[in-house]
Amino acid sequence: MELCVNDSKIVLVQGDITKESTDAIVNAANSGLRGGGGVDGAIHRAGGGAIMEECRAIGHCPTGHAVITTAGNLKARRVIHTVGPVYRGGGKGEAELLKSAYRASLALALENKLESVAFPAISAGIYGYPLSEAASIALTTTKMFLEEYQGIKEVRFVLFDDK
């Protein structure tokens, strides 16, 4: 699926985010930037120790925010680490925090003059966010950002499976 927004496009693909050659890939990180399971662990394993070294130097990233590091051995040039919310039923501000994670990641890409970004499904794995709700927030937030700001040419959502 592909959607054009001004001079940008949003693309949905199925695949392995660690193999993306976009300017940046986004990591669904934890607030301590310690690596972990799921996409976070896969990115750290594929990218090598340089990513963790920079994460340790940064130290922390609050939920809804983003930081940027090298991409180490990955095809991408940079990794944007964002922390999505743990889903606790939807009444604890999770939607706004998830929107903030996407906006912060896109803003960091724009600030660093990165023209293409690949996202996983933030918070939709171990953090338990309902997939259809998370997908709606991801796509709507990204579309609104691209309508307001120019410079990012492509945003790819790299989905692990058919769900």
N, C-alpha and C. Protein backbone atom coordinates (compact mmCIF):
# COMPACT_ATOMS: atom_id res chain seq x y z
N MET A 1 0.83 -1.19 0.00
CA MET A 1 0.00 0.00 0.00
C MET A 1 0.88 1.25 0.00
N GLU A 2 0.44 2.26 -0.71
CA GLU A 2 1.19 3.51 -0.78
C GLU A 2 0.22 4.68 -0.76
N LEU A 3 0.58 5.71 0.00
CA LEU A 3 -0.24 6.92 0.10
C LEU A 3 0.67 8.12 -0.12
N CYS A 4 0.29 9.00 -1.04
CA CYS A 4 1.06 10.22 -1.29
C CYS A 4 0.51 11.35 -0.43
N VAL A 5 1.43 12.09 0.20
CA VAL A 5 1.08 13.24 1.02
C VAL A 5 2.03 14.37 0.63
N ASN A 6 1.50 15.39 -0.04
CA ASN A 6 2.34 16.46 -0.59
C ASN A 6 3.44 15.83 -1.44
N ASP A 7 4.71 16.12 -1.13
CA ASP A 7 5.83 15.56 -1.89
C ASP A 7 6.38 14.28 -1.25
N SER A 8 5.66 13.71 -0.31
CA SER A 8 6.11 12.53 0.43
C SER A 8 5.20 11.35 0.13
N LYS A 9 5.69 10.18 0.51
CA LYS A 9 4.83 9.01 0.42
C LYS A 9 4.97 8.15 1.68
N ILE A 10 3.88 7.51 2.03
CA ILE A 10 3.83 6.55 3.12
C ILE A 10 3.64 5.18 2.48
N VAL A 11 4.50 4.25 2.83
CA VAL A 11 4.49 2.92 2.22
C VAL A 11 4.41 1.86 3.32
N LEU A 12 3.58 0.85 3.11
CA LEU A 12 3.49 -0.29 4.02
C LEU A 12 4.08 -1.50 3.32
N VAL A 13 5.03 -2.15 3.97
CA VAL A 13 5.66 -3.35 3.42
C VAL A 13 5.78 -4.39 4.53
N GLN A 14 5.91 -5.64 4.13
CA GLN A 14 6.19 -6.69 5.09
C GLN A 14 7.65 -7.07 4.93
N GLY A 15 8.37 -7.19 6.05
CA GLY A 15 9.78 -7.54 5.95
C GLY A 15 10.52 -7.41 7.26
N ASP A 16 11.82 -7.31 7.13
CA ASP A 16 12.74 -7.23 8.26
C ASP A 16 13.32 -5.82 8.29
N ILE A 17 12.98 -5.07 9.31
CA ILE A 17 13.42 -3.67 9.38
C ILE A 17 14.94 -3.54 9.41
N THR A 18 15.65 -4.54 9.89
CA THR A 18 17.11 -4.45 9.95
C THR A 18 17.75 -4.50 8.56
N LYS A 19 16.98 -4.85 7.55
CA LYS A 19 17.50 -4.93 6.18
C LYS A 19 17.15 -3.69 5.36
N GLU A 20 16.44 -2.75 5.96
CA GLU A 20 16.03 -1.54 5.25
C GLU A 20 17.24 -0.64 4.96
N SER A 21 17.23 -0.03 3.76
CA SER A 21 18.32 0.88 3.38
C SER A 21 17.87 2.33 3.40
N THR A 22 16.82 2.64 4.15
CA THR A 22 16.38 4.02 4.32
C THR A 22 17.45 4.81 5.07
N ASP A 23 17.35 6.12 5.04
CA ASP A 23 18.32 6.94 5.76
C ASP A 23 18.33 6.60 7.25
N ALA A 24 17.16 6.29 7.80
CA ALA A 24 17.07 5.91 9.22
C ALA A 24 16.05 4.81 9.39
N ILE A 25 16.29 3.97 10.38
CA ILE A 25 15.25 3.06 10.84
C ILE A 25 14.93 3.46 12.28
N VAL A 26 13.70 3.22 12.66
CA VAL A 26 13.27 3.57 14.01
C VAL A 26 13.26 2.30 14.86
N ASN A 27 13.79 2.42 16.04
CA ASN A 27 13.84 1.33 17.00
C ASN A 27 12.79 1.55 18.07
N ALA A 28 12.00 0.52 18.34
CA ALA A 28 11.05 0.54 19.45
C ALA A 28 11.85 0.22 20.71
N ALA A 29 12.42 1.24 21.32
CA ALA A 29 13.37 1.09 22.42
C ALA A 29 12.67 1.11 23.78
N ASN A 30 13.43 0.73 24.80
CA ASN A 30 12.97 0.93 26.18
C ASN A 30 13.61 2.21 26.70
N SER A 31 13.08 2.75 27.78
CA SER A 31 13.53 4.06 28.26
C SER A 31 14.99 4.08 28.71
N GLY A 32 15.54 2.93 29.07
CA GLY A 32 16.94 2.86 29.47
C GLY A 32 17.89 2.66 28.30
N LEU A 33 17.34 2.52 27.09
CA LEU A 33 18.14 2.31 25.87
C LEU A 33 19.10 1.13 26.03
N ARG A 34 18.63 0.08 26.70
CA ARG A 34 19.48 -1.05 27.03
C ARG A 34 19.42 -2.20 26.03
N GLY A 35 18.70 -2.04 24.96
CA GLY A 35 18.48 -3.18 24.07
C GLY A 35 17.44 -4.07 24.72
N GLY A 36 17.06 -5.11 24.08
CA GLY A 36 16.05 -5.98 24.66
C GLY A 36 15.59 -7.00 23.66
N GLY A 37 14.31 -7.35 23.73
CA GLY A 37 13.76 -8.35 22.83
C GLY A 37 13.12 -7.70 21.62
N GLY A 38 12.45 -8.51 20.83
CA GLY A 38 11.72 -8.03 19.67
C GLY A 38 12.58 -7.23 18.71
N VAL A 39 12.00 -6.18 18.16
CA VAL A 39 12.69 -5.35 17.16
C VAL A 39 13.92 -4.67 17.77
N ASP A 40 13.84 -4.30 19.03
CA ASP A 40 14.97 -3.65 19.72
C ASP A 40 16.19 -4.57 19.71
N GLY A 41 15.99 -5.80 20.12
CA GLY A 41 17.09 -6.77 20.14
C GLY A 41 17.62 -7.06 18.75
N ALA A 42 16.72 -7.18 17.78
CA ALA A 42 17.13 -7.46 16.40
C ALA A 42 17.99 -6.34 15.84
N ILE A 43 17.60 -5.10 16.10
CA ILE A 43 18.38 -3.96 15.61
C ILE A 43 19.76 -3.92 16.25
N HIS A 44 19.82 -4.14 17.55
CA HIS A 44 21.12 -4.14 18.23
C HIS A 44 22.01 -5.29 17.76
N ARG A 45 21.44 -6.47 17.56
CA ARG A 45 22.23 -7.61 17.07
C ARG A 45 22.76 -7.35 15.68
N ALA A 46 21.89 -6.88 14.79
CA ALA A 46 22.30 -6.65 13.40
C ALA A 46 23.25 -5.46 13.26
N GLY A 47 23.05 -4.44 14.09
CA GLY A 47 23.85 -3.22 13.97
C GLY A 47 25.20 -3.28 14.66
N GLY A 48 25.34 -4.18 15.63
CA GLY A 48 26.62 -4.32 16.32
C GLY A 48 26.76 -3.37 17.51
N GLY A 49 27.91 -3.44 18.14
CA GLY A 49 28.17 -2.74 19.39
C GLY A 49 28.20 -1.22 19.34
N ALA A 50 28.41 -0.65 18.16
CA ALA A 50 28.49 0.82 18.06
C ALA A 50 27.17 1.48 18.48
N ILE A 51 26.05 0.83 18.18
CA ILE A 51 24.75 1.39 18.55
C ILE A 51 24.62 1.41 20.07
N MET A 52 24.92 0.29 20.71
CA MET A 52 24.81 0.22 22.17
C MET A 52 25.77 1.20 22.85
N GLU A 53 26.94 1.37 22.28
CA GLU A 53 27.91 2.31 22.85
C GLU A 53 27.33 3.73 22.88
N GLU A 54 26.69 4.15 21.80
CA GLU A 54 26.08 5.47 21.77
C GLU A 54 24.85 5.54 22.68
N CYS A 55 24.09 4.45 22.74
CA CYS A 55 22.93 4.42 23.65
C CYS A 55 23.37 4.58 25.10
N ARG A 56 24.44 3.91 25.47
CA ARG A 56 24.95 4.04 26.84
C ARG A 56 25.38 5.47 27.13
N ALA A 57 25.99 6.13 26.15
CA ALA A 57 26.42 7.52 26.34
C ALA A 57 25.21 8.44 26.51
N ILE A 58 24.13 8.18 25.78
CA ILE A 58 22.91 8.98 25.91
C ILE A 58 22.23 8.67 27.24
N GLY A 59 22.12 7.40 27.56
CA GLY A 59 21.66 6.96 28.87
C GLY A 59 20.17 6.72 29.06
N HIS A 60 19.32 7.60 28.55
CA HIS A 60 17.89 7.49 28.87
C HIS A 60 17.06 8.22 27.82
N CYS A 61 15.86 7.72 27.59
CA CYS A 61 14.92 8.38 26.68
C CYS A 61 13.52 8.19 27.27
N PRO A 62 12.85 9.26 27.65
CA PRO A 62 11.51 9.14 28.23
C PRO A 62 10.48 8.65 27.21
N THR A 63 9.42 8.07 27.69
CA THR A 63 8.32 7.62 26.85
C THR A 63 7.77 8.80 26.04
N GLY A 64 7.57 8.56 24.74
CA GLY A 64 7.06 9.60 23.86
C GLY A 64 8.14 10.47 23.23
N HIS A 65 9.38 10.22 23.56
CA HIS A 65 10.51 11.00 23.03
C HIS A 65 11.35 10.12 22.11
N ALA A 66 12.39 10.69 21.51
CA ALA A 66 13.27 9.96 20.61
C ALA A 66 14.68 10.51 20.67
N VAL A 67 15.64 9.63 20.42
CA VAL A 67 17.06 10.00 20.33
C VAL A 67 17.63 9.32 19.09
N ILE A 68 18.79 9.77 18.64
CA ILE A 68 19.37 9.24 17.40
C ILE A 68 20.79 8.77 17.64
N THR A 69 21.15 7.66 16.97
CA THR A 69 22.51 7.12 17.05
C THR A 69 22.97 6.70 15.66
N THR A 70 24.19 6.25 15.62
CA THR A 70 24.72 5.61 14.42
C THR A 70 23.87 4.38 14.12
N ALA A 71 24.05 3.83 12.93
CA ALA A 71 23.36 2.58 12.58
C ALA A 71 24.34 1.40 12.57
N GLY A 72 25.59 1.66 12.93
CA GLY A 72 26.56 0.56 13.00
C GLY A 72 26.65 -0.19 11.69
N ASN A 73 26.42 -1.50 11.74
CA ASN A 73 26.55 -2.37 10.57
C ASN A 73 25.28 -2.46 9.72
N LEU A 74 24.26 -1.71 10.05
CA LEU A 74 23.01 -1.76 9.29
C LEU A 74 23.16 -1.02 7.95
N LYS A 75 22.25 -1.28 7.02
CA LYS A 75 22.25 -0.56 5.73
C LYS A 75 21.82 0.89 5.91
N ALA A 76 20.94 1.14 6.86
CA ALA A 76 20.50 2.51 7.16
C ALA A 76 21.69 3.31 7.68
N ARG A 77 21.59 4.63 7.59
CA ARG A 77 22.67 5.49 8.09
C ARG A 77 22.54 5.79 9.57
N ARG A 78 21.31 5.85 10.08
CA ARG A 78 21.07 6.21 11.48
C ARG A 78 19.96 5.35 12.06
N VAL A 79 19.95 5.27 13.39
CA VAL A 79 18.85 4.62 14.11
C VAL A 79 18.22 5.67 15.02
N ILE A 80 16.92 5.83 14.89
CA ILE A 80 16.16 6.71 15.78
C ILE A 80 15.49 5.80 16.80
N HIS A 81 15.83 5.99 18.06
CA HIS A 81 15.28 5.17 19.14
C HIS A 81 14.13 5.95 19.77
N THR A 82 12.94 5.36 19.77
CA THR A 82 11.79 6.00 20.40
C THR A 82 11.17 5.05 21.40
N VAL A 83 10.59 5.61 22.43
CA VAL A 83 9.97 4.81 23.48
C VAL A 83 8.47 5.03 23.43
N GLY A 84 7.77 3.98 23.04
CA GLY A 84 6.32 4.02 23.05
C GLY A 84 5.79 3.62 24.41
N PRO A 85 4.51 3.83 24.65
CA PRO A 85 3.93 3.51 25.95
C PRO A 85 3.60 2.02 26.09
N VAL A 86 3.66 1.55 27.32
CA VAL A 86 3.11 0.24 27.65
C VAL A 86 1.59 0.44 27.73
N TYR A 87 0.84 -0.44 27.07
CA TYR A 87 -0.61 -0.30 27.05
C TYR A 87 -1.20 -0.79 28.36
N ARG A 88 -1.97 0.06 29.02
CA ARG A 88 -2.59 -0.26 30.31
C ARG A 88 -4.10 -0.04 30.25
N GLY A 89 -4.71 -0.38 29.13
CA GLY A 89 -6.15 -0.26 29.00
C GLY A 89 -6.63 0.95 28.22
N GLY A 90 -5.76 1.88 27.93
CA GLY A 90 -6.12 3.03 27.11
C GLY A 90 -6.50 4.29 27.86
N GLY A 91 -6.63 4.23 29.16
CA GLY A 91 -7.05 5.40 29.92
C GLY A 91 -5.93 6.12 30.65
N LYS A 92 -4.70 5.79 30.33
CA LYS A 92 -3.55 6.38 31.02
C LYS A 92 -2.70 7.25 30.10
N GLY A 93 -3.34 7.81 29.07
CA GLY A 93 -2.62 8.71 28.15
C GLY A 93 -1.79 7.99 27.10
N GLU A 94 -2.04 6.70 26.91
CA GLU A 94 -1.23 5.92 25.97
C GLU A 94 -1.29 6.45 24.55
N ALA A 95 -2.48 6.84 24.09
CA ALA A 95 -2.62 7.31 22.71
C ALA A 95 -1.77 8.56 22.47
N GLU A 96 -1.81 9.49 23.39
CA GLU A 96 -1.02 10.72 23.22
C GLU A 96 0.48 10.42 23.27
N LEU A 97 0.88 9.49 24.12
CA LEU A 97 2.30 9.11 24.19
C LEU A 97 2.75 8.41 22.91
N LEU A 98 1.89 7.58 22.34
CA LEU A 98 2.24 6.90 21.09
C LEU A 98 2.34 7.91 19.95
N LYS A 99 1.40 8.84 19.87
CA LYS A 99 1.48 9.91 18.87
C LYS A 99 2.79 10.69 19.04
N SER A 100 3.13 11.00 20.26
CA SER A 100 4.34 11.75 20.55
C SER A 100 5.59 10.99 20.11
N ALA A 101 5.60 9.68 20.28
CA ALA A 101 6.75 8.87 19.86
C ALA A 101 6.94 8.96 18.34
N TYR A 102 5.85 8.89 17.60
CA TYR A 102 5.95 9.02 16.14
C TYR A 102 6.37 10.42 15.74
N ARG A 103 5.74 11.44 16.32
CA ARG A 103 6.09 12.83 15.99
C ARG A 103 7.55 13.14 16.33
N ALA A 104 8.00 12.69 17.49
CA ALA A 104 9.38 12.96 17.90
C ALA A 104 10.37 12.29 16.95
N SER A 105 10.05 11.08 16.51
CA SER A 105 10.93 10.37 15.57
C SER A 105 11.00 11.09 14.23
N LEU A 106 9.85 11.50 13.72
CA LEU A 106 9.82 12.22 12.45
C LEU A 106 10.51 13.58 12.55
N ALA A 107 10.31 14.26 13.66
CA ALA A 107 10.97 15.56 13.87
C ALA A 107 12.49 15.40 13.92
N LEU A 108 12.96 14.34 14.56
CA LEU A 108 14.40 14.08 14.64
C LEU A 108 14.95 13.75 13.24
N ALA A 109 14.21 13.01 12.45
CA ALA A 109 14.62 12.72 11.07
C ALA A 109 14.74 14.02 10.28
N LEU A 110 13.74 14.86 10.40
CA LEU A 110 13.73 16.14 9.68
C LEU A 110 14.90 17.02 10.13
N GLU A 111 15.10 17.10 11.43
CA GLU A 111 16.20 17.91 12.00
C GLU A 111 17.56 17.44 11.49
N ASN A 112 17.70 16.13 11.26
CA ASN A 112 18.97 15.57 10.79
C ASN A 112 19.02 15.42 9.27
N LYS A 113 18.05 16.04 8.59
CA LYS A 113 17.99 16.04 7.12
C LYS A 113 17.97 14.63 6.52
N LEU A 114 17.22 13.75 7.17
CA LEU A 114 17.06 12.38 6.69
C LEU A 114 15.79 12.34 5.84
N GLU A 115 15.88 11.86 4.63
CA GLU A 115 14.76 11.90 3.69
C GLU A 115 13.89 10.65 3.69
N SER A 116 14.39 9.57 4.27
CA SER A 116 13.59 8.34 4.31
C SER A 116 13.75 7.67 5.68
N VAL A 117 12.62 7.19 6.19
CA VAL A 117 12.57 6.61 7.53
C VAL A 117 11.73 5.34 7.48
N ALA A 118 12.18 4.30 8.18
CA ALA A 118 11.42 3.06 8.27
C ALA A 118 11.03 2.83 9.74
N PHE A 119 9.75 2.58 9.97
CA PHE A 119 9.21 2.35 11.30
C PHE A 119 8.75 0.91 11.47
N PRO A 120 8.93 0.35 12.67
CA PRO A 120 8.21 -0.87 13.03
C PRO A 120 6.87 -0.43 13.64
N ALA A 121 6.10 -1.37 14.13
CA ALA A 121 4.85 -1.04 14.82
C ALA A 121 5.19 -0.75 16.29
N ILE A 122 5.38 0.53 16.61
CA ILE A 122 5.78 0.95 17.95
C ILE A 122 4.71 0.55 18.98
N SER A 123 5.14 -0.05 20.06
CA SER A 123 4.31 -0.46 21.21
C SER A 123 3.35 -1.61 20.93
N ALA A 124 3.32 -2.13 19.70
CA ALA A 124 2.34 -3.16 19.35
C ALA A 124 2.82 -4.58 19.62
N GLY A 125 4.03 -4.73 20.13
CA GLY A 125 4.54 -6.06 20.46
C GLY A 125 4.41 -6.31 21.95
N ILE A 126 5.54 -6.42 22.60
CA ILE A 126 5.57 -6.74 24.03
C ILE A 126 4.90 -5.67 24.90
N TYR A 127 4.79 -4.43 24.38
CA TYR A 127 4.14 -3.37 25.16
C TYR A 127 2.62 -3.45 25.09
N GLY A 128 2.09 -4.37 24.29
CA GLY A 128 0.69 -4.74 24.33
C GLY A 128 -0.34 -3.81 23.74
N TYR A 129 0.09 -2.82 22.95
CA TYR A 129 -0.89 -1.90 22.36
C TYR A 129 -1.72 -2.66 21.33
N PRO A 130 -3.04 -2.55 21.36
CA PRO A 130 -3.87 -3.23 20.36
C PRO A 130 -3.46 -2.80 18.95
N LEU A 131 -3.22 -3.78 18.11
CA LEU A 131 -2.62 -3.53 16.80
C LEU A 131 -3.43 -2.58 15.93
N SER A 132 -4.74 -2.75 15.85
CA SER A 132 -5.53 -1.88 14.96
C SER A 132 -5.50 -0.43 15.45
N GLU A 133 -5.54 -0.24 16.76
CA GLU A 133 -5.48 1.11 17.33
C GLU A 133 -4.10 1.73 17.11
N ALA A 134 -3.05 0.93 17.33
CA ALA A 134 -1.67 1.40 17.14
C ALA A 134 -1.44 1.77 15.67
N ALA A 135 -1.97 0.96 14.75
CA ALA A 135 -1.81 1.24 13.32
C ALA A 135 -2.51 2.53 12.93
N SER A 136 -3.70 2.74 13.45
CA SER A 136 -4.44 3.97 13.16
C SER A 136 -3.68 5.20 13.65
N ILE A 137 -3.16 5.13 14.86
CA ILE A 137 -2.39 6.25 15.41
C ILE A 137 -1.13 6.49 14.58
N ALA A 138 -0.42 5.42 14.22
CA ALA A 138 0.82 5.55 13.44
C ALA A 138 0.56 6.23 12.10
N LEU A 139 -0.44 5.76 11.38
CA LEU A 139 -0.71 6.30 10.05
C LEU A 139 -1.27 7.72 10.10
N THR A 140 -2.19 7.97 11.01
CA THR A 140 -2.77 9.30 11.12
C THR A 140 -1.73 10.33 11.56
N THR A 141 -0.94 9.98 12.54
CA THR A 141 0.10 10.91 13.04
C THR A 141 1.13 11.21 11.96
N THR A 142 1.55 10.18 11.24
CA THR A 142 2.53 10.37 10.17
C THR A 142 1.96 11.23 9.05
N LYS A 143 0.73 10.95 8.64
CA LYS A 143 0.09 11.73 7.58
C LYS A 143 0.00 13.21 7.98
N MET A 144 -0.44 13.46 9.21
CA MET A 144 -0.55 14.85 9.69
C MET A 144 0.81 15.54 9.72
N PHE A 145 1.85 14.83 10.15
CA PHE A 145 3.20 15.40 10.19
C PHE A 145 3.65 15.78 8.78
N LEU A 146 3.46 14.87 7.83
CA LEU A 146 3.90 15.13 6.45
C LEU A 146 3.09 16.22 5.77
N GLU A 147 1.86 16.42 6.21
CA GLU A 147 1.05 17.53 5.68
C GLU A 147 1.59 18.88 6.18
N GLU A 148 2.17 18.87 7.37
CA GLU A 148 2.64 20.11 7.98
C GLU A 148 4.10 20.44 7.64
N TYR A 149 4.93 19.41 7.51
CA TYR A 149 6.37 19.61 7.31
C TYR A 149 6.83 18.96 6.02
N GLN A 150 7.82 19.58 5.37
CA GLN A 150 8.39 19.02 4.15
C GLN A 150 9.84 18.67 4.38
N GLY A 151 10.34 17.70 3.64
CA GLY A 151 11.74 17.30 3.73
C GLY A 151 11.90 15.79 3.80
N ILE A 152 10.95 15.11 4.40
CA ILE A 152 10.99 13.65 4.42
C ILE A 152 10.25 13.17 3.17
N LYS A 153 10.93 12.41 2.35
CA LYS A 153 10.36 11.97 1.07
C LYS A 153 9.58 10.66 1.22
N GLU A 154 10.03 9.77 2.13
CA GLU A 154 9.35 8.49 2.27
C GLU A 154 9.36 8.01 3.72
N VAL A 155 8.21 7.56 4.16
CA VAL A 155 8.08 6.90 5.45
C VAL A 155 7.57 5.50 5.16
N ARG A 156 8.36 4.53 5.58
CA ARG A 156 8.01 3.11 5.36
C ARG A 156 7.60 2.50 6.69
N PHE A 157 6.50 1.79 6.69
CA PHE A 157 6.11 1.00 7.84
C PHE A 157 6.45 -0.44 7.49
N VAL A 158 7.44 -0.98 8.18
CA VAL A 158 7.94 -2.32 7.89
C VAL A 158 7.30 -3.27 8.90
N LEU A 159 6.37 -4.07 8.40
CA LEU A 159 5.58 -4.93 9.26
C LEU A 159 6.14 -6.35 9.24
N PHE A 160 6.24 -6.94 10.42
CA PHE A 160 6.85 -8.24 10.58
C PHE A 160 6.03 -9.36 9.93
N ASP A 161 4.71 -9.25 10.00
CA ASP A 161 3.86 -10.31 9.44
C ASP A 161 2.56 -9.72 8.90
N ASP A 162 1.67 -10.58 8.43
CA ASP A 162 0.42 -10.13 7.82
C ASP A 162 -0.48 -9.37 8.77
N LYS A 163 -0.44 -9.66 10.07
CA LYS A 163 -1.31 -8.98 11.03
C LYS A 163 -1.04 -7.50 11.03
